[in-house]
Amino acid sequence: MIEIERKFLVTSEDFKKEAFSEKRIKQGYLSSIPERTVRVRTKGNKGFLTIKGASSASGMSRFEWEKEITIEEAEKLLLLCEKGCIDKTRYEIKFKGKTYEVDEFYGENEGLIMAEIELLSETETFEKPLWLGQEVTTDPRYYNSYLSKNHFKEWGI
């Protein structure tokens, strides 16, 4: 139940032609405090409730518990969420034995494209595709819970 992942900005849309899966995601937060986030998500025609703990010192690891719920339950819970919803499309890409999840954001976070890779350990090595850019694992501004309140369009980047 420990998630180990690294996050990167994406430098081009070349990843789209390599994707084997594409799903629209809408998510909100019942709690967005860094010590414990509680997320509600619709992904395609499924719903999920996820609880995440605080990140490790490296920013790569944290406790994560996720349970599938009905789409109807998720849609009702989204109505109870804190202000600020994340709307994005997730693309899944296999590269050199690993799966990258690439999120293209919409709405107030439009213009942001970010990739995540889950690892077996914090020291695991992996090859990077050409479209993978700057690592942002340790920058909390790139957490979805942060983006739900502090929109990418307002950063002035």
Protein backbone atom coordinates (compact mmCIF):
# COMPACT_ATOMS: atom_id res chain seq x y z
CA MET A 1 0.00 0.00 0.00
CA ILE A 2 3.02 2.25 -0.46
CA GLU A 3 3.06 4.07 -3.77
CA ILE A 4 6.48 4.95 -5.20
CA GLU A 5 6.34 7.27 -8.19
CA ARG A 6 8.25 9.97 -9.98
CA LYS A 7 6.69 12.87 -11.90
CA PHE A 8 7.93 14.69 -14.98
CA LEU A 9 6.76 17.46 -17.25
CA VAL A 10 6.10 16.38 -20.83
CA THR A 11 7.83 18.31 -23.62
CA SER A 12 5.76 17.25 -26.66
CA GLU A 13 2.55 15.48 -27.59
CA ASP A 14 4.46 12.64 -29.30
CA PHE A 15 3.38 10.36 -26.43
CA LYS A 16 -0.19 10.27 -27.81
CA LYS A 17 0.73 8.09 -30.77
CA GLU A 18 2.33 5.58 -28.35
CA ALA A 19 -0.67 5.36 -25.97
CA PHE A 20 -2.49 2.06 -25.56
CA SER A 21 -5.19 3.53 -23.30
CA GLU A 22 -6.94 6.91 -23.01
CA LYS A 23 -9.56 7.80 -20.36
CA ARG A 24 -11.16 11.03 -19.17
CA ILE A 25 -10.79 11.65 -15.44
CA LYS A 26 -12.66 14.06 -13.18
CA GLN A 27 -11.63 14.26 -9.56
CA GLY A 28 -12.21 16.29 -6.45
CA TYR A 29 -10.98 16.26 -2.86
CA LEU A 30 -12.96 15.63 0.31
CA SER A 31 -9.72 16.52 2.14
CA SER A 32 -6.68 18.09 0.51
CA ILE A 33 -4.38 18.60 3.47
CA PRO A 34 -0.90 17.19 2.67
CA GLU A 35 -0.88 14.78 5.64
CA ARG A 36 -3.93 12.92 4.24
CA THR A 37 -5.76 13.56 1.04
CA VAL A 38 -9.10 11.93 0.30
CA ARG A 39 -9.85 11.92 -3.41
CA VAL A 40 -13.00 11.04 -5.34
CA ARG A 41 -12.52 10.19 -9.01
CA THR A 42 -14.46 9.16 -12.04
CA LYS A 43 -12.34 7.41 -14.65
CA GLY A 44 -14.27 6.44 -17.74
CA ASN A 45 -17.38 4.70 -16.41
CA LYS A 46 -15.89 3.73 -13.02
CA GLY A 47 -15.63 5.50 -9.69
CA PHE A 48 -12.84 5.44 -7.09
CA LEU A 49 -12.24 6.64 -3.56
CA THR A 50 -8.56 7.10 -2.66
CA ILE A 51 -6.80 8.01 0.56
CA LYS A 52 -3.16 9.11 0.43
CA GLY A 53 -0.80 9.83 3.30
CA ALA A 54 1.97 12.38 3.55
CA SER A 55 4.87 12.09 1.10
CA SER A 56 8.26 10.81 2.23
CA ALA A 57 11.20 13.20 2.50
CA SER A 58 12.19 12.34 -1.08
CA GLY A 59 8.67 13.10 -2.35
CA MET A 60 8.60 9.71 -4.12
CA SER A 61 6.75 7.47 -1.63
CA ARG A 62 3.54 7.62 0.33
CA PHE A 63 0.75 5.46 1.66
CA GLU A 64 -2.11 4.97 -0.81
CA TRP A 65 -5.38 3.08 -0.38
CA GLU A 66 -7.90 2.95 -3.23
CA LYS A 67 -11.34 1.34 -3.50
CA GLU A 68 -13.52 1.10 -6.57
CA ILE A 69 -17.02 2.50 -6.02
CA THR A 70 -19.92 2.86 -8.43
CA ILE A 71 -19.94 5.74 -10.88
CA GLU A 72 -23.16 6.94 -9.24
CA GLU A 73 -21.52 7.00 -5.79
CA ALA A 74 -18.51 8.88 -7.17
CA GLU A 75 -20.69 11.48 -8.91
CA LYS A 76 -22.62 12.09 -5.67
CA LEU A 77 -19.42 12.35 -3.63
CA LEU A 78 -17.94 14.82 -6.14
CA LEU A 79 -20.77 17.19 -5.16
CA LEU A 80 -19.42 17.18 -1.57
CA CYS A 81 -15.83 17.92 -2.53
CA GLU A 82 -13.84 21.05 -1.76
CA LYS A 83 -13.95 23.77 -4.39
CA GLY A 84 -11.79 23.02 -7.41
CA CYS A 85 -12.11 20.02 -9.68
CA ILE A 86 -9.41 18.38 -11.75
CA ASP A 87 -10.37 17.53 -15.33
CA LYS A 88 -7.85 15.62 -17.45
CA THR A 89 -7.28 12.83 -19.92
CA ARG A 90 -4.94 10.05 -18.86
CA TYR A 91 -2.90 8.27 -21.50
CA GLU A 92 -1.05 5.07 -20.67
CA ILE A 93 2.15 4.32 -22.57
CA LYS A 94 4.44 1.30 -22.31
CA PHE A 95 8.13 2.11 -22.70
CA LYS A 96 11.09 -0.21 -22.04
CA GLY A 97 9.14 -2.47 -19.66
CA LYS A 98 7.45 0.33 -17.69
CA THR A 99 4.06 2.03 -17.97
CA TYR A 100 3.93 5.81 -17.97
CA GLU A 101 0.68 7.58 -17.11
CA VAL A 102 0.51 10.92 -18.90
CA ASP A 103 -2.12 13.45 -17.83
CA GLU A 104 -3.24 16.26 -20.13
CA PHE A 105 -5.12 18.81 -18.04
CA TYR A 106 -8.10 20.98 -19.03
CA GLY A 107 -9.93 23.99 -17.64
CA GLU A 108 -7.91 26.12 -15.23
CA ASN A 109 -4.95 23.73 -15.54
CA GLU A 110 -4.92 23.65 -19.34
CA GLY A 111 -1.42 23.72 -20.78
CA LEU A 112 -0.03 21.32 -18.19
CA ILE A 113 0.97 17.84 -19.35
CA MET A 114 2.61 15.66 -16.74
CA ALA A 115 3.85 12.05 -16.69
CA GLU A 116 4.15 9.65 -13.76
CA ILE A 117 5.96 6.35 -13.49
CA GLU A 118 5.42 3.91 -10.62
CA LEU A 119 8.53 2.15 -9.36
CA LEU A 120 9.32 -0.83 -7.15
CA SER A 121 11.86 1.16 -5.11
CA GLU A 122 13.06 4.75 -4.85
CA THR A 123 16.42 3.72 -6.30
CA GLU A 124 15.07 1.77 -9.28
CA THR A 125 16.52 2.90 -12.59
CA PHE A 126 14.48 3.27 -15.78
CA GLU A 127 14.85 4.59 -19.30
CA LYS A 128 13.15 7.84 -20.24
CA PRO A 129 11.27 8.41 -23.48
CA LEU A 130 12.28 11.45 -25.58
CA TRP A 131 9.09 13.36 -24.68
CA LEU A 132 9.87 13.23 -20.95
CA GLY A 133 11.13 16.55 -19.61
CA GLN A 134 12.05 18.11 -16.26
CA GLU A 135 11.44 16.05 -13.13
CA VAL A 136 8.96 17.65 -10.69
CA THR A 137 8.62 14.83 -8.14
CA THR A 138 9.74 16.98 -5.21
CA ASP A 139 7.70 20.07 -6.20
CA PRO A 140 4.35 19.99 -4.32
CA ARG A 141 2.84 22.44 -6.83
CA TYR A 142 2.46 19.48 -9.18
CA TYR A 143 0.29 17.45 -6.79
CA ASN A 144 -3.26 17.26 -8.12
CA SER A 145 -4.57 18.35 -4.71
CA TYR A 146 -2.53 21.57 -5.05
CA LEU A 147 -3.60 22.08 -8.67
CA SER A 148 -7.27 21.85 -7.65
CA LYS A 149 -6.89 25.14 -5.73
CA ASN A 150 -3.84 26.80 -7.34
CA HIS A 151 -4.47 26.58 -11.05
CA PHE A 152 -1.60 26.13 -13.48
CA LYS A 153 -2.90 28.99 -15.67
CA GLU A 154 -2.34 31.40 -12.76
CA TRP A 155 1.31 30.46 -12.16
CA GLY A 156 2.62 32.78 -14.86
CA ILE A 157 4.97 30.15 -16.31
